[in-house]
C-alpha atoms as a PDB file:
ATOM      1  CA  PRO A   1     143.267  71.525  39.642  1.00  0.00           C
ATOM      2  CA  LEU A   2     144.112  75.036  38.480  1.00  0.00           C
ATOM      3  CA  CYS A   3     141.505  76.501  40.830  1.00  0.00           C
ATOM      4  CA  GLN A   4     143.362  75.329  43.934  1.00  0.00           C
ATOM      5  CA  ALA A   5     146.005  77.217  45.926  1.00  0.00           C
ATOM      6  CA  VAL A   6     149.671  77.045  44.995  1.00  0.00           C
ATOM      7  CA  SER A   7     151.081  75.782  48.287  1.00  0.00           C
ATOM      8  CA  LEU A   8     150.710  75.872  52.036  1.00  0.00           C
ATOM      9  CA  GLY A   9     153.466  78.492  52.117  1.00  0.00           C
ATOM     10  CA  ILE A  10     151.450  80.845  49.910  1.00  0.00           C
ATOM     11  CA  HIS A  11     148.380  80.033  52.003  1.00  0.00           C
ATOM     12  CA  GLU A  12     150.252  81.076  55.133  1.00  0.00           C
ATOM     13  CA  SER A  13     151.524  84.239  53.463  1.00  0.00           C
ATOM     14  CA  GLN A  14     147.918  85.374  53.214  1.00  0.00           C
ATOM     15  CA  SER A  15     147.101  84.447  56.796  1.00  0.00           C
ATOM     16  CA  ARG A  16     150.093  86.357  58.079  1.00  0.00           C
ATOM     17  CA  TRP A  17     149.447  89.246  55.685  1.00  0.00           C
ATOM     18  CA  TRP A  18     146.065  90.015  57.253  1.00  0.00           C
ATOM     19  CA  GLU A  19     147.008  89.017  60.786  1.00  0.00           C
ATOM     20  CA  THR A  20     150.318  90.838  61.127  1.00  0.00           C
ATOM     21  CA  ARG A  21     150.916  93.322  58.337  1.00  0.00           C
ATOM     22  CA  ILE A  22     147.381  94.721  58.475  1.00  0.00           C
ATOM     23  CA  GLY A  23     145.823  93.573  61.754  1.00  0.00           C
ATOM     24  CA  MET A  24     148.834  94.502  63.901  1.00  0.00           C
ATOM     25  CA  SER A  25     149.576  97.766  62.111  1.00  0.00           C
ATOM     26  CA  LYS A  26     149.074 101.197  63.633  1.00  0.00           C
ATOM     27  CA  PRO A  27     146.879 102.454  60.751  1.00  0.00           C
ATOM     28  CA  PHE A  28     144.457  99.552  61.275  1.00  0.00           C
ATOM     29  CA  TRP A  29     144.033 100.387  64.944  1.00  0.00           C
ATOM     30  CA  LYS A  30     143.827 104.100  64.272  1.00  0.00           C
ATOM     31  CA  HIS A  31     140.439 103.254  62.811  1.00  0.00           C
ATOM     32  CA  TYR A  32     139.435 100.281  64.946  1.00  0.00           C
ATOM     33  CA  LEU A  33     140.591 101.309  68.432  1.00  0.00           C
ATOM     34  CA  PRO A  34     137.666 103.759  68.725  1.00  0.00           C
ATOM     35  CA  VAL A  35     135.382 100.904  67.634  1.00  0.00           C
ATOM     36  CA  LEU A  36     136.916  98.692  70.326  1.00  0.00           C
ATOM     37  CA  LYS A  37     136.461 101.406  72.945  1.00  0.00           C
ATOM     38  CA  LYS A  38     132.830 101.782  71.992  1.00  0.00           C
ATOM     39  CA  ALA A  39     132.220  98.029  72.208  1.00  0.00           C
ATOM     40  CA  PHE A  40     133.943  97.692  75.587  1.00  0.00           C
ATOM     41  CA  LYS A  41     132.906 100.884  77.317  1.00  0.00           C
ATOM     42  CA  GLY A  42     135.245 101.991  80.084  1.00  0.00           C
ATOM     43  CA  ARG A  43     137.839  99.288  79.450  1.00  0.00           C
ATOM     44  CA  PHE A  44     140.104 101.156  77.025  1.00  0.00           C
ATOM     45  CA  ASP A  45     139.234 104.792  77.710  1.00  0.00           C
ATOM     46  CA  LYS A  46     142.726 105.674  78.950  1.00  0.00           C
ATOM     47  CA  VAL A  47     144.589 103.635  76.329  1.00  0.00           C
ATOM     48  CA  SER A  48     146.223 105.708  73.603  1.00  0.00           C
ATOM     49  CA  LEU A  49     146.868 104.429  70.087  1.00  0.00           C
ATOM     50  CA  ASP A  50     150.642 104.378  70.681  1.00  0.00           C
ATOM     51  CA  LYS A  51     150.265 102.457  73.925  1.00  0.00           C
ATOM     52  CA  PHE A  52     147.866  99.959  72.371  1.00  0.00           C
ATOM     53  CA  TYR A  53     150.150  99.451  69.360  1.00  0.00           C
ATOM     54  CA  MET A  54     153.189  98.793  71.560  1.00  0.00           C
ATOM     55  CA  ALA A  55     151.266  96.335  73.734  1.00  0.00           C
ATOM     56  CA  LEU A  56     149.988  94.530  70.646  1.00  0.00           C
ATOM     57  CA  ASN A  57     153.536  94.169  69.327  1.00  0.00           C
ATOM     58  CA  LYS A  58     155.310  93.303  72.568  1.00  0.00           C
ATOM     59  CA  VAL A  59     158.266  90.947  72.112  1.00  0.00           C
ATOM     60  CA  GLU A  60     158.712  88.330  74.808  1.00  0.00           C
ATOM     61  CA  PRO A  61     159.740  84.645  74.748  1.00  0.00           C
ATOM     62  CA  SER A  62     156.716  82.407  75.279  1.00  0.00           C
ATOM     63  CA  PHE A  63     155.890  78.716  75.285  1.00  0.00           C
ATOM     64  CA  ILE A  64     152.931  78.614  72.884  1.00  0.00           C
ATOM     65  CA  ARG A  65     153.650  79.013  69.174  1.00  0.00           C
ATOM     66  CA  VAL A  66     150.248  80.359  68.149  1.00  0.00           C
ATOM     67  CA  GLU A  67     150.553  83.112  70.774  1.00  0.00           C
ATOM     68  CA  ALA A  68     154.145  84.070  69.930  1.00  0.00           C
ATOM     69  CA  ASP A  69     155.174  87.535  68.783  1.00  0.00           C
ATOM     70  CA  GLU A  70     156.566  88.132  65.300  1.00  0.00           C
ATOM     71  CA  VAL A  71     160.205  88.182  66.388  1.00  0.00           C
ATOM     72  CA  THR A  72     160.285  84.943  68.386  1.00  0.00           C
ATOM     73  CA  TYR A  73     157.783  83.069  66.210  1.00  0.00           C
ATOM     74  CA  PRO A  74     160.406  81.756  63.742  1.00  0.00           C
ATOM     75  CA  LEU A  75     162.276  80.160  66.658  1.00  0.00           C
ATOM     76  CA  HIS A  76     159.216  78.027  67.408  1.00  0.00           C
ATOM     77  CA  VAL A  77     159.261  76.820  63.816  1.00  0.00           C
ATOM     78  CA  ILE A  78     163.014  76.162  63.789  1.00  0.00           C
ATOM     79  CA  LEU A  79     162.727  74.114  66.998  1.00  0.00           C
ATOM     80  CA  ARG A  80     160.036  71.899  65.499  1.00  0.00           C
ATOM     81  CA  PHE A  81     161.811  71.526  62.175  1.00  0.00           C
ATOM     82  CA  GLU A  82     165.047  70.390  63.831  1.00  0.00           C
ATOM     83  CA  LEU A  83     163.207  67.819  65.947  1.00  0.00           C
ATOM     84  CA  GLU A  84     161.271  66.554  62.922  1.00  0.00           C
ATOM     85  CA  LYS A  85     164.482  66.206  60.955  1.00  0.00           C
ATOM     86  CA  ALA A  86     166.131  64.252  63.775  1.00  0.00           C
ATOM     87  CA  LEU A  87     163.108  61.962  64.076  1.00  0.00           C
ATOM     88  CA  ILE A  88     163.108  61.186  60.373  1.00  0.00           C
ATOM     89  CA  GLU A  89     166.873  60.658  60.338  1.00  0.00           C
ATOM     90  CA  GLY A  90     166.553  58.295  63.300  1.00  0.00           C
ATOM     91  CA  THR A  91     168.863  60.294  65.559  1.00  0.00           C
ATOM     92  CA  LEU A  92     166.006  61.146  67.948  1.00  0.00           C
ATOM     93  CA  LYS A  93     163.646  58.616  69.537  1.00  0.00           C
ATOM     94  CA  VAL A  94     159.986  59.473  70.105  1.00  0.00           C
ATOM     95  CA  GLU A  95     160.291  58.930  73.856  1.00  0.00           C
ATOM     96  CA  ASP A  96     163.136  61.466  73.956  1.00  0.00           C
ATOM     97  CA  ILE A  97     161.118  64.290  72.359  1.00  0.00           C
ATOM     98  CA  PRO A  98     160.055  65.985  75.631  1.00  0.00           C
ATOM     99  CA  GLU A  99     163.620  66.294  76.871  1.00  0.00           C
ATOM    100  CA  ALA A 100     164.913  67.415  73.465  1.00  0.00           C
ATOM    101  CA  TRP A 101     162.089  69.957  73.176  1.00  0.00           C
ATOM    102  CA  ASN A 102     162.705  71.454  76.609  1.00  0.00           C
ATOM    103  CA  SER A 103     166.427  71.615  75.982  1.00  0.00           C
ATOM    104  CA  ALA A 104     165.950  73.398  72.658  1.00  0.00           C
ATOM    105  CA  MET A 105     163.437  75.829  74.162  1.00  0.00           C
ATOM    106  CA  LYS A 106     165.870  76.690  76.939  1.00  0.00           C
ATOM    107  CA  LYS A 107     168.700  77.190  74.444  1.00  0.00           C
ATOM    108  CA  MET A 108     166.709  79.273  71.957  1.00  0.00           C
ATOM    109  CA  MET A 109     164.494  81.339  74.250  1.00  0.00           C
ATOM    110  CA  GLY A 110     165.789  80.936  77.768  1.00  0.00           C
ATOM    111  CA  ILE A 111     162.585  79.329  79.093  1.00  0.00           C
ATOM    112  CA  THR A 112     161.640  75.749  80.004  1.00  0.00           C
ATOM    113  CA  PRO A 113     158.092  74.309  79.742  1.00  0.00           C
ATOM    114  CA  SER A 114     156.620  73.068  83.016  1.00  0.00           C
ATOM    115  CA  ASN A 115     154.401  70.480  81.321  1.00  0.00           C
ATOM    116  CA  PHE A 116     153.754  68.825  77.955  1.00  0.00           C
ATOM    117  CA  ALA A 117     150.886  71.180  77.143  1.00  0.00           C
ATOM    118  CA  GLU A 118     153.373  74.058  77.182  1.00  0.00           C
ATOM    119  CA  GLY A 119     155.847  71.949  75.271  1.00  0.00           C
ATOM    120  CA  CYS A 120     155.808  69.107  72.795  1.00  0.00           C
ATOM    121  CA  LEU A 121     152.067  68.308  72.874  1.00  0.00           C
ATOM    122  CA  GLN A 122     150.761  71.797  72.111  1.00  0.00           C
ATOM    123  CA  ASP A 123     150.402  71.239  68.346  1.00  0.00           C
ATOM    124  CA  VAL A 124     148.195  68.787  66.461  1.00  0.00           C
ATOM    125  CA  HIS A 125     150.556  68.409  63.504  1.00  0.00           C
ATOM    126  CA  TRP A 126     152.558  65.376  64.599  1.00  0.00           C
ATOM    127  CA  SER A 127     149.553  63.457  65.949  1.00  0.00           C
ATOM    128  CA  MET A 128     147.842  63.854  62.564  1.00  0.00           C
ATOM    129  CA  GLY A 129     150.995  62.929  60.639  1.00  0.00           C
ATOM    130  CA  ALA A 130     151.635  66.398  59.206  1.00  0.00           C
ATOM    131  CA  PHE A 131     155.417  66.193  59.267  1.00  0.00           C
ATOM    132  CA  GLY A 132     157.146  68.913  57.249  1.00  0.00           C
ATOM    133  CA  TYR A 133     154.264  71.357  57.737  1.00  0.00           C
ATOM    134  CA  PHE A 134     155.854  73.754  60.226  1.00  0.00           C
ATOM    135  CA  PRO A 135     158.358  75.376  57.801  1.00  0.00           C
ATOM    136  CA  THR A 136     155.419  76.617  55.720  1.00  0.00           C
ATOM    137  CA  TYR A 137     154.669  79.127  58.478  1.00  0.00           C
ATOM    138  CA  THR A 138     158.054  80.804  58.157  1.00  0.00           C
ATOM    139  CA  LEU A 139     157.977  80.509  54.377  1.00  0.00           C
ATOM    140  CA  GLY A 140     154.610  82.250  54.562  1.00  0.00           C
ATOM    141  CA  ASN A 141     156.105  85.110  56.554  1.00  0.00           C
ATOM    142  CA  MET A 142     158.891  85.510  54.006  1.00  0.00           C
ATOM    143  CA  TYR A 143     156.551  85.333  51.004  1.00  0.00           C
ATOM    144  CA  CYS A 144     154.306  87.866  52.716  1.00  0.00           C
ATOM    145  CA  ALA A 145     157.158  90.311  53.332  1.00  0.00           C
ATOM    146  CA  GLN A 146     158.285  90.274  49.713  1.00  0.00           C
ATOM    147  CA  LEU A 147     154.732  90.666  48.429  1.00  0.00           C
ATOM    148  CA  PHE A 148     154.076  93.493  50.865  1.00  0.00           C
ATOM    149  CA  ASN A 149     157.139  95.415  49.674  1.00  0.00           C
ATOM    150  CA  THR A 150     155.657  95.480  46.179  1.00  0.00           C
ATOM    151  CA  PHE A 151     152.206  96.308  47.550  1.00  0.00           C
ATOM    152  CA  GLU A 152     153.643  99.339  49.380  1.00  0.00           C
ATOM    153  CA  SER A 153     155.294 100.550  46.177  1.00  0.00           C
ATOM    154  CA  ASP A 154     152.068 100.101  44.229  1.00  0.00           C
ATOM    155  CA  SER A 155     149.908 101.614  46.989  1.00  0.00           C
ATOM    156  CA  PRO A 156     151.895 104.430  48.652  1.00  0.00           C
ATOM    157  CA  GLN A 157     148.715 105.724  50.345  1.00  0.00           C
ATOM    158  CA  TRP A 158     147.822 102.384  51.923  1.00  0.00           C
ATOM    159  CA  GLU A 159     148.325 103.551  55.509  1.00  0.00           C
ATOM    160  CA  LYS A 160     145.986 106.526  55.062  1.00  0.00           C
ATOM    161  CA  LYS A 161     143.335 104.311  53.490  1.00  0.00           C
ATOM    162  CA  VAL A 162     143.580 101.632  56.186  1.00  0.00           C
ATOM    163  CA  GLY A 163     143.495 104.389  58.807  1.00  0.00           C
ATOM    164  CA  LYS A 164     140.065 105.288  57.425  1.00  0.00           C
ATOM    165  CA  GLY A 165     138.859 101.700  57.601  1.00  0.00           C
ATOM    166  CA  GLU A 166     139.283 100.988  53.897  1.00  0.00           C
ATOM    167  CA  LEU A 167     140.425  97.418  53.205  1.00  0.00           C
ATOM    168  CA  GLY A 168     138.853  96.436  49.892  1.00  0.00           C
ATOM    169  CA  PHE A 169     141.703  97.857  47.811  1.00  0.00           C
ATOM    170  CA  ILE A 170     144.092  95.436  49.538  1.00  0.00           C
ATOM    171  CA  LYS A 171     141.975  92.452  48.529  1.00  0.00           C
ATOM    172  CA  ASP A 172     141.836  93.816  44.975  1.00  0.00           C
ATOM    173  CA  TRP A 173     145.643  93.987  44.819  1.00  0.00           C
ATOM    174  CA  LEU A 174     146.016  90.455  46.147  1.00  0.00           C
ATOM    175  CA  THR A 175     143.420  89.171  43.698  1.00  0.00           C
ATOM    176  CA  ASP A 176     145.367  90.644  40.792  1.00  0.00           C
ATOM    177  CA  LYS A 177     148.805  89.550  41.990  1.00  0.00           C
ATOM    178  CA  VAL A 178     148.076  86.219  43.674  1.00  0.00           C
ATOM    179  CA  TYR A 179     144.561  84.804  43.662  1.00  0.00           C
ATOM    180  CA  LYS A 180     143.610  85.045  39.999  1.00  0.00           C
ATOM    181  CA  HIS A 181     146.529  82.809  38.969  1.00  0.00           C
ATOM    182  CA  GLY A 182     145.286  79.861  41.009  1.00  0.00           C
ATOM    183  CA  ARG A 183     147.811  77.056  40.695  1.00  0.00           C
ATOM    184  CA  GLN A 184     149.260  78.194  37.388  1.00  0.00           C
ATOM    185  CA  TYR A 185     152.690  78.895  38.916  1.00  0.00           C
ATOM    186  CA  ASN A 186     154.695  77.312  41.705  1.00  0.00           C
ATOM    187  CA  SER A 187     155.363  79.415  44.807  1.00  0.00           C
ATOM    188  CA  ARG A 188     158.660  80.969  43.780  1.00  0.00           C
ATOM    189  CA  ASP A 189     157.540  81.675  40.226  1.00  0.00           C
ATOM    190  CA  LEU A 190     154.420  83.346  41.584  1.00  0.00           C
ATOM    191  CA  ILE A 191     156.479  85.521  43.918  1.00  0.00           C
ATOM    192  CA  LYS A 192     158.780  86.528  41.077  1.00  0.00           C
ATOM    193  CA  LYS A 193     155.841  87.306  38.803  1.00  0.00           C
ATOM    194  CA  ALA A 194     154.129  89.382  41.491  1.00  0.00           C
ATOM    195  CA  THR A 195     157.200  91.264  42.714  1.00  0.00           C
ATOM    196  CA  GLY A 196     159.592  91.211  39.766  1.00  0.00           C
ATOM    197  CA  LYS A 197     162.309  89.740  41.987  1.00  0.00           C
ATOM    198  CA  LYS A 198     163.553  86.302  42.946  1.00  0.00           C
ATOM    199  CA  PHE A 199     162.393  85.005  46.300  1.00  0.00           C
ATOM    200  CA  SER A 200     164.598  86.231  49.150  1.00  0.00           C
ATOM    201  CA  GLU A 201     164.574  86.242  52.940  1.00  0.00           C
ATOM    202  CA  LYS A 202     165.843  89.831  53.039  1.00  0.00           C
ATOM    203  CA  PRO A 203     162.453  91.625  52.903  1.00  0.00           C
ATOM    204  CA  TYR A 204     161.303  89.650  55.949  1.00  0.00           C
ATOM    205  CA  ILE A 205     164.462  90.333  57.944  1.00  0.00           C
ATOM    206  CA  ASN A 206     164.366  94.013  56.979  1.00  0.00           C
ATOM    207  CA  TYR A 207     160.711  94.224  58.009  1.00  0.00           C
ATOM    208  CA  LEU A 208     161.391  92.816  61.474  1.00  0.00           C
ATOM    209  CA  ASN A 209     164.441  95.041  61.946  1.00  0.00           C
ATOM    210  CA  ASP A 210     162.664  98.197  60.829  1.00  0.00           C
ATOM    211  CA  LYS A 211     159.414  97.639  62.705  1.00  0.00           C
ATOM    212  CA  TYR A 212     160.832  96.546  66.033  1.00  0.00           C
ATOM    213  CA  SER A 213     163.776  98.942  66.003  1.00  0.00           C
ATOM    214  CA  ALA A 214     161.205 101.726  65.794  1.00  0.00           C
ATOM    215  CA  ILE A 215     158.972 100.250  68.519  1.00  0.00           C
ATOM    216  CA  TYR A 216     161.832  99.629  70.935  1.00  0.00           C
ATOM    217  CA  LYS A 217     163.898 102.625  69.826  1.00  0.00           C
ATOM    218  CA  LEU A 218     166.951 100.486  69.066  1.00  0.00           C
END
């Protein structure tokens, strides 16, 4: 039906939009850190905005995908995609998944799970038969980055507004560019219509480079 969402990738672009681009931004916490301090009296009194922002965006290899930082998160998705592909091709047996998982985690991130809960059994996707789902998370990040580039051009004062606790204008922009179309266009056509450009991974890579180069002074 036309009223439904375009794809899981576009779905994830909206999740990551609010979670990372807004919820992990400095302007957002410029407004909400004082609210947090008021709610948890004495716990954050000595924490500055800069310190809080850096802690929120700390990059460090970790075992659990849903807790991963923005930089290492795609590696979690790549690991799962490669194992899924091998399973479907028949080059990897189910009983060999734990060893293959741990080996890939060591190779990609330099860490090895100590148990299955930290490793191959942490997600529900395979047990429910949702093979092919994981790439939608990274597609979502890339869709989000390209959409956000256009949003920034259309809303050059967005940081000042968010810093004052204003968020409604963001929803209005998304409604006009994404939501109102429903399922009228496929994912890539929607991105092109909203941004005026073909879908590309470059906005996402540029975003990660720019944000974390600034945080870590690289």
